[in-house]
Amino acid sequence: MPHCILETSDNLLDAPDWEALLEKLHGTLVATGLFKEEDLKSRVILHRTFRVADGAPDRAFVTLDLQIMEGREDEVKAQLSEALMAVLAGAFPRTTTAMRLNLTVQVSELHRASYRRQTSTP
């Protein structure tokens, strides 16, 4: 906890360094003072099959779902969304200017009573 799930269409004009982008997202979250680096889990999922609006080839999407434990105030979730959006907005400059990019961030809550985590140590 938390989980950063970054999903994109595979037609982006930019080819970001995904590892570096995830590192920036982690840094942004740690800088809030709300999360520890060792608790963050992130992944990137590229979608080959997708449709945005009318399906025009110049449409693309990048969406980040930050999943956090329930109980944070809406204001805190809004601040997290804004901070993460700032990182994403700078990561796709070519796509932003040449395509119709749908860029979204949402903060969703994990249900505390049903969330389980097991970490192994070698």
N, C-alpha and C. Protein backbone atom coordinates (compact mmCIF):
# COMPACT_ATOMS: atom_id res chain seq x y z
N MET A 1 0.86 -1.15 0.00
CA MET A 1 0.00 0.00 0.00
C MET A 1 0.90 1.21 0.00
N PRO A 2 0.67 2.24 -0.73
CA PRO A 2 -0.31 2.36 -1.80
C PRO A 2 0.16 1.72 -3.11
N HIS A 3 -0.80 1.58 -4.00
CA HIS A 3 -0.53 1.03 -5.33
C HIS A 3 -0.71 2.14 -6.36
N CYS A 4 0.24 2.25 -7.29
CA CYS A 4 0.13 3.17 -8.42
C CYS A 4 -0.01 2.31 -9.67
N ILE A 5 -1.16 2.38 -10.28
CA ILE A 5 -1.42 1.60 -11.49
C ILE A 5 -1.55 2.58 -12.64
N LEU A 6 -0.53 2.61 -13.48
CA LEU A 6 -0.47 3.52 -14.62
C LEU A 6 -0.82 2.74 -15.88
N GLU A 7 -1.91 3.13 -16.53
CA GLU A 7 -2.36 2.46 -17.74
C GLU A 7 -2.32 3.47 -18.89
N THR A 8 -1.86 2.99 -20.05
CA THR A 8 -1.79 3.88 -21.21
C THR A 8 -2.19 3.13 -22.48
N SER A 9 -2.63 3.90 -23.44
CA SER A 9 -2.80 3.35 -24.78
C SER A 9 -1.41 3.18 -25.37
N ASP A 10 -1.25 2.25 -26.28
CA ASP A 10 0.09 2.00 -26.83
C ASP A 10 0.41 2.86 -28.05
N ASN A 11 -0.39 3.88 -28.31
CA ASN A 11 -0.14 4.76 -29.46
C ASN A 11 0.47 6.10 -29.07
N LEU A 12 1.01 6.20 -27.87
CA LEU A 12 1.63 7.45 -27.43
C LEU A 12 2.83 7.78 -28.32
N LEU A 13 3.02 9.04 -28.62
CA LEU A 13 4.16 9.45 -29.42
C LEU A 13 5.44 9.49 -28.60
N ASP A 14 5.29 9.69 -27.30
CA ASP A 14 6.44 9.71 -26.40
C ASP A 14 6.78 8.29 -25.98
N ALA A 15 8.05 8.05 -25.76
CA ALA A 15 8.51 6.77 -25.24
C ALA A 15 9.25 7.06 -23.94
N PRO A 16 8.50 7.35 -22.88
CA PRO A 16 9.17 7.73 -21.64
C PRO A 16 9.97 6.57 -21.05
N ASP A 17 10.92 6.93 -20.24
CA ASP A 17 11.63 5.95 -19.44
C ASP A 17 10.67 5.60 -18.31
N TRP A 18 10.00 4.47 -18.45
CA TRP A 18 8.95 4.10 -17.50
C TRP A 18 9.49 3.98 -16.07
N GLU A 19 10.68 3.42 -15.93
CA GLU A 19 11.29 3.29 -14.59
C GLU A 19 11.50 4.67 -13.97
N ALA A 20 12.01 5.60 -14.76
CA ALA A 20 12.24 6.95 -14.26
C ALA A 20 10.93 7.64 -13.91
N LEU A 21 9.90 7.42 -14.71
CA LEU A 21 8.60 8.01 -14.42
C LEU A 21 8.04 7.46 -13.12
N LEU A 22 8.14 6.15 -12.93
CA LEU A 22 7.67 5.56 -11.67
C LEU A 22 8.48 6.10 -10.48
N GLU A 23 9.76 6.31 -10.69
CA GLU A 23 10.60 6.89 -9.63
C GLU A 23 10.13 8.29 -9.27
N LYS A 24 9.78 9.10 -10.28
CA LYS A 24 9.26 10.45 -10.02
C LYS A 24 7.94 10.40 -9.26
N LEU A 25 7.07 9.47 -9.67
CA LEU A 25 5.78 9.33 -8.97
C LEU A 25 6.02 8.93 -7.51
N HIS A 26 6.93 7.99 -7.29
CA HIS A 26 7.25 7.58 -5.92
C HIS A 26 7.79 8.77 -5.13
N GLY A 27 8.72 9.52 -5.74
CA GLY A 27 9.29 10.67 -5.05
C GLY A 27 8.23 11.69 -4.67
N THR A 28 7.27 11.88 -5.55
CA THR A 28 6.18 12.82 -5.28
C THR A 28 5.35 12.35 -4.10
N LEU A 29 5.06 11.07 -4.06
CA LEU A 29 4.26 10.53 -2.95
C LEU A 29 5.03 10.58 -1.62
N VAL A 30 6.29 10.23 -1.65
CA VAL A 30 7.10 10.27 -0.43
C VAL A 30 7.23 11.70 0.08
N ALA A 31 7.37 12.66 -0.83
CA ALA A 31 7.52 14.06 -0.45
C ALA A 31 6.30 14.61 0.29
N THR A 32 5.15 13.97 0.14
CA THR A 32 3.96 14.43 0.86
C THR A 32 4.05 14.13 2.36
N GLY A 33 4.94 13.20 2.71
CA GLY A 33 5.06 12.80 4.11
C GLY A 33 4.00 11.79 4.54
N LEU A 34 3.16 11.38 3.60
CA LEU A 34 2.07 10.45 3.93
C LEU A 34 2.46 8.99 3.74
N PHE A 35 3.51 8.75 2.93
CA PHE A 35 3.85 7.38 2.57
C PHE A 35 5.35 7.15 2.68
N LYS A 36 5.72 5.91 2.93
CA LYS A 36 7.12 5.50 2.96
C LYS A 36 7.45 4.80 1.65
N GLU A 37 8.64 5.05 1.14
CA GLU A 37 9.08 4.45 -0.13
C GLU A 37 8.91 2.93 -0.13
N GLU A 38 9.25 2.30 0.96
CA GLU A 38 9.20 0.82 1.00
C GLU A 38 7.79 0.26 0.91
N ASP A 39 6.79 1.10 1.07
CA ASP A 39 5.40 0.63 0.99
C ASP A 39 4.77 0.82 -0.39
N LEU A 40 5.45 1.53 -1.29
CA LEU A 40 4.89 1.84 -2.60
C LEU A 40 5.07 0.69 -3.58
N LYS A 41 4.04 0.44 -4.36
CA LYS A 41 4.07 -0.58 -5.41
C LYS A 41 3.48 0.04 -6.67
N SER A 42 4.24 0.00 -7.76
CA SER A 42 3.78 0.63 -9.00
C SER A 42 3.97 -0.29 -10.18
N ARG A 43 3.14 -0.06 -11.18
CA ARG A 43 3.25 -0.84 -12.41
C ARG A 43 2.68 -0.04 -13.57
N VAL A 44 3.15 -0.39 -14.76
CA VAL A 44 2.69 0.26 -15.99
C VAL A 44 2.06 -0.82 -16.86
N ILE A 45 0.88 -0.53 -17.36
CA ILE A 45 0.17 -1.46 -18.24
C ILE A 45 -0.10 -0.73 -19.55
N LEU A 46 0.45 -1.25 -20.65
CA LEU A 46 0.22 -0.67 -21.97
C LEU A 46 -0.89 -1.46 -22.66
N HIS A 47 -1.89 -0.75 -23.14
CA HIS A 47 -3.03 -1.40 -23.78
C HIS A 47 -2.90 -1.31 -25.30
N ARG A 48 -2.84 -2.45 -25.92
CA ARG A 48 -2.77 -2.52 -27.37
C ARG A 48 -4.18 -2.40 -27.97
N THR A 49 -5.14 -2.95 -27.29
CA THR A 49 -6.53 -2.88 -27.75
C THR A 49 -7.27 -1.89 -26.85
N PHE A 50 -7.77 -0.82 -27.45
CA PHE A 50 -8.46 0.22 -26.69
C PHE A 50 -9.28 1.06 -27.66
N ARG A 51 -10.15 1.86 -27.11
CA ARG A 51 -10.92 2.82 -27.91
C ARG A 51 -11.14 4.04 -27.02
N VAL A 52 -10.81 5.21 -27.54
CA VAL A 52 -11.08 6.46 -26.85
C VAL A 52 -12.08 7.22 -27.70
N ALA A 53 -13.22 7.55 -27.12
CA ALA A 53 -14.28 8.32 -27.78
C ALA A 53 -14.66 7.69 -29.12
N ASP A 54 -14.44 8.42 -30.23
CA ASP A 54 -14.86 7.93 -31.55
C ASP A 54 -13.87 6.95 -32.17
N GLY A 55 -12.79 6.64 -31.46
CA GLY A 55 -11.81 5.68 -31.97
C GLY A 55 -10.82 6.26 -32.96
N ALA A 56 -10.82 7.57 -33.12
CA ALA A 56 -9.88 8.21 -34.05
C ALA A 56 -8.44 7.88 -33.65
N PRO A 57 -7.57 7.69 -34.62
CA PRO A 57 -6.19 7.28 -34.32
C PRO A 57 -5.36 8.33 -33.59
N ASP A 58 -5.83 9.58 -33.56
CA ASP A 58 -5.07 10.60 -32.84
C ASP A 58 -5.55 10.76 -31.38
N ARG A 59 -6.33 9.82 -30.91
CA ARG A 59 -6.78 9.84 -29.52
C ARG A 59 -5.94 8.84 -28.72
N ALA A 60 -5.53 9.27 -27.53
CA ALA A 60 -4.71 8.42 -26.67
C ALA A 60 -5.12 8.66 -25.22
N PHE A 61 -4.68 7.77 -24.33
CA PHE A 61 -4.97 7.99 -22.92
C PHE A 61 -3.81 7.56 -22.05
N VAL A 62 -3.72 8.25 -20.93
CA VAL A 62 -2.84 7.89 -19.82
C VAL A 62 -3.67 8.08 -18.57
N THR A 63 -3.79 7.05 -17.77
CA THR A 63 -4.57 7.17 -16.54
C THR A 63 -3.81 6.54 -15.39
N LEU A 64 -3.80 7.22 -14.28
CA LEU A 64 -3.13 6.74 -13.08
C LEU A 64 -4.17 6.55 -12.00
N ASP A 65 -4.21 5.36 -11.45
CA ASP A 65 -5.07 5.06 -10.32
C ASP A 65 -4.17 4.87 -9.11
N LEU A 66 -4.26 5.78 -8.16
CA LEU A 66 -3.53 5.66 -6.90
C LEU A 66 -4.48 5.03 -5.90
N GLN A 67 -4.17 3.84 -5.47
CA GLN A 67 -5.01 3.14 -4.50
C GLN A 67 -4.37 3.28 -3.12
N ILE A 68 -5.13 3.89 -2.20
CA ILE A 68 -4.65 4.10 -0.84
C ILE A 68 -5.66 3.55 0.15
N MET A 69 -5.20 3.34 1.37
CA MET A 69 -6.09 2.83 2.41
C MET A 69 -7.18 3.87 2.69
N GLU A 70 -8.36 3.41 2.93
CA GLU A 70 -9.50 4.31 3.16
C GLU A 70 -9.28 5.17 4.40
N GLY A 71 -9.96 6.31 4.41
CA GLY A 71 -9.96 7.16 5.59
C GLY A 71 -9.34 8.53 5.41
N ARG A 72 -8.70 8.79 4.27
CA ARG A 72 -8.10 10.11 4.05
C ARG A 72 -9.19 11.12 3.66
N GLU A 73 -8.99 12.35 4.08
CA GLU A 73 -9.92 13.41 3.73
C GLU A 73 -9.90 13.68 2.22
N ASP A 74 -11.02 14.13 1.69
CA ASP A 74 -11.11 14.46 0.26
C ASP A 74 -10.07 15.49 -0.14
N GLU A 75 -9.79 16.44 0.73
CA GLU A 75 -8.80 17.48 0.42
C GLU A 75 -7.42 16.86 0.22
N VAL A 76 -7.07 15.88 1.04
CA VAL A 76 -5.78 15.20 0.91
C VAL A 76 -5.73 14.42 -0.40
N LYS A 77 -6.81 13.74 -0.74
CA LYS A 77 -6.86 12.99 -2.00
C LYS A 77 -6.76 13.93 -3.20
N ALA A 78 -7.39 15.09 -3.10
CA ALA A 78 -7.31 16.07 -4.19
C ALA A 78 -5.87 16.58 -4.34
N GLN A 79 -5.19 16.83 -3.24
CA GLN A 79 -3.80 17.28 -3.29
C GLN A 79 -2.90 16.21 -3.90
N LEU A 80 -3.14 14.96 -3.56
CA LEU A 80 -2.37 13.87 -4.16
C LEU A 80 -2.60 13.82 -5.66
N SER A 81 -3.85 13.94 -6.08
CA SER A 81 -4.18 13.92 -7.51
C SER A 81 -3.47 15.05 -8.25
N GLU A 82 -3.49 16.24 -7.69
CA GLU A 82 -2.84 17.40 -8.33
C GLU A 82 -1.34 17.19 -8.45
N ALA A 83 -0.71 16.70 -7.40
CA ALA A 83 0.74 16.49 -7.42
C ALA A 83 1.13 15.43 -8.45
N LEU A 84 0.37 14.35 -8.52
CA LEU A 84 0.67 13.29 -9.49
C LEU A 84 0.37 13.75 -10.91
N MET A 85 -0.69 14.53 -11.09
CA MET A 85 -1.02 15.06 -12.42
C MET A 85 0.10 15.94 -12.94
N ALA A 86 0.71 16.71 -12.06
CA ALA A 86 1.82 17.57 -12.48
C ALA A 86 2.97 16.74 -13.03
N VAL A 87 3.25 15.61 -12.43
CA VAL A 87 4.31 14.73 -12.93
C VAL A 87 3.93 14.16 -14.29
N LEU A 88 2.71 13.64 -14.39
CA LEU A 88 2.27 13.03 -15.65
C LEU A 88 2.18 14.05 -16.78
N ALA A 89 1.72 15.25 -16.48
CA ALA A 89 1.53 16.27 -17.52
C ALA A 89 2.84 16.61 -18.22
N GLY A 90 3.95 16.48 -17.53
CA GLY A 90 5.23 16.77 -18.13
C GLY A 90 5.89 15.58 -18.80
N ALA A 91 5.31 14.41 -18.67
CA ALA A 91 5.95 13.18 -19.15
C ALA A 91 5.63 12.85 -20.61
N PHE A 92 4.65 13.52 -21.20
CA PHE A 92 4.21 13.16 -22.55
C PHE A 92 4.07 14.40 -23.44
N PRO A 93 5.14 15.17 -23.61
CA PRO A 93 5.03 16.44 -24.33
C PRO A 93 4.65 16.29 -25.80
N ARG A 94 5.22 15.34 -26.50
CA ARG A 94 4.90 15.17 -27.93
C ARG A 94 3.45 14.74 -28.11
N THR A 95 3.03 13.79 -27.29
CA THR A 95 1.66 13.29 -27.39
C THR A 95 0.67 14.41 -27.06
N THR A 96 0.98 15.20 -26.05
CA THR A 96 0.09 16.29 -25.63
C THR A 96 -0.12 17.31 -26.74
N THR A 97 0.94 17.62 -27.49
CA THR A 97 0.81 18.65 -28.52
C THR A 97 0.30 18.13 -29.85
N ALA A 98 0.53 16.86 -30.16
CA ALA A 98 0.18 16.34 -31.48
C ALA A 98 -1.06 15.45 -31.50
N MET A 99 -1.52 15.04 -30.34
CA MET A 99 -2.68 14.13 -30.28
C MET A 99 -3.70 14.67 -29.29
N ARG A 100 -4.86 14.05 -29.29
CA ARG A 100 -5.88 14.36 -28.28
C ARG A 100 -5.69 13.36 -27.14
N LEU A 101 -4.91 13.78 -26.16
CA LEU A 101 -4.55 12.93 -25.03
C LEU A 101 -5.52 13.13 -23.89
N ASN A 102 -6.10 12.05 -23.41
CA ASN A 102 -6.95 12.07 -22.24
C ASN A 102 -6.08 11.62 -21.08
N LEU A 103 -5.70 12.57 -20.23
CA LEU A 103 -4.80 12.33 -19.11
C LEU A 103 -5.61 12.43 -17.82
N THR A 104 -5.63 11.36 -17.03
CA THR A 104 -6.44 11.36 -15.82
C THR A 104 -5.68 10.77 -14.64
N VAL A 105 -6.04 11.25 -13.46
CA VAL A 105 -5.54 10.71 -12.19
C VAL A 105 -6.74 10.54 -11.28
N GLN A 106 -6.80 9.42 -10.63
CA GLN A 106 -7.84 9.24 -9.61
C GLN A 106 -7.21 8.60 -8.39
N VAL A 107 -7.75 8.93 -7.24
CA VAL A 107 -7.35 8.30 -5.99
C VAL A 107 -8.52 7.44 -5.55
N SER A 108 -8.27 6.16 -5.42
CA SER A 108 -9.33 5.26 -4.97
C SER A 108 -8.90 4.63 -3.64
N GLU A 109 -9.88 4.16 -2.91
CA GLU A 109 -9.62 3.65 -1.56
C GLU A 109 -9.66 2.13 -1.52
N LEU A 110 -8.71 1.59 -0.77
CA LEU A 110 -8.69 0.16 -0.48
C LEU A 110 -9.50 -0.06 0.80
N HIS A 111 -10.29 -1.09 0.81
CA HIS A 111 -11.13 -1.39 1.96
C HIS A 111 -10.27 -2.00 3.07
N ARG A 112 -10.09 -1.26 4.13
CA ARG A 112 -9.19 -1.65 5.22
C ARG A 112 -9.53 -3.03 5.81
N ALA A 113 -10.81 -3.31 5.99
CA ALA A 113 -11.21 -4.57 6.63
C ALA A 113 -10.88 -5.79 5.78
N SER A 114 -10.83 -5.62 4.46
CA SER A 114 -10.59 -6.77 3.60
C SER A 114 -9.20 -6.78 2.96
N TYR A 115 -8.43 -5.73 3.12
CA TYR A 115 -7.10 -5.66 2.52
C TYR A 115 -6.13 -6.52 3.31
N ARG A 116 -5.38 -7.34 2.62
CA ARG A 116 -4.37 -8.19 3.25
C ARG A 116 -3.05 -7.99 2.53
N ARG A 117 -1.99 -8.10 3.28
CA ARG A 117 -0.64 -7.96 2.71
C ARG A 117 0.28 -8.94 3.41
N GLN A 118 1.05 -9.62 2.62
CA GLN A 118 2.05 -10.54 3.16
C GLN A 118 3.36 -10.25 2.47
N THR A 119 4.40 -10.01 3.23
CA THR A 119 5.71 -9.71 2.66
C THR A 119 6.71 -10.75 3.13
N SER A 120 7.38 -11.37 2.18
CA SER A 120 8.38 -12.37 2.55
C SER A 120 9.73 -11.71 2.66
N THR A 121 10.59 -12.25 3.47
CA THR A 121 11.96 -11.78 3.61
C THR A 121 12.88 -12.98 3.47
N PRO A 122 13.79 -12.91 2.52
CA PRO A 122 14.70 -14.05 2.31
C PRO A 122 15.69 -14.23 3.42
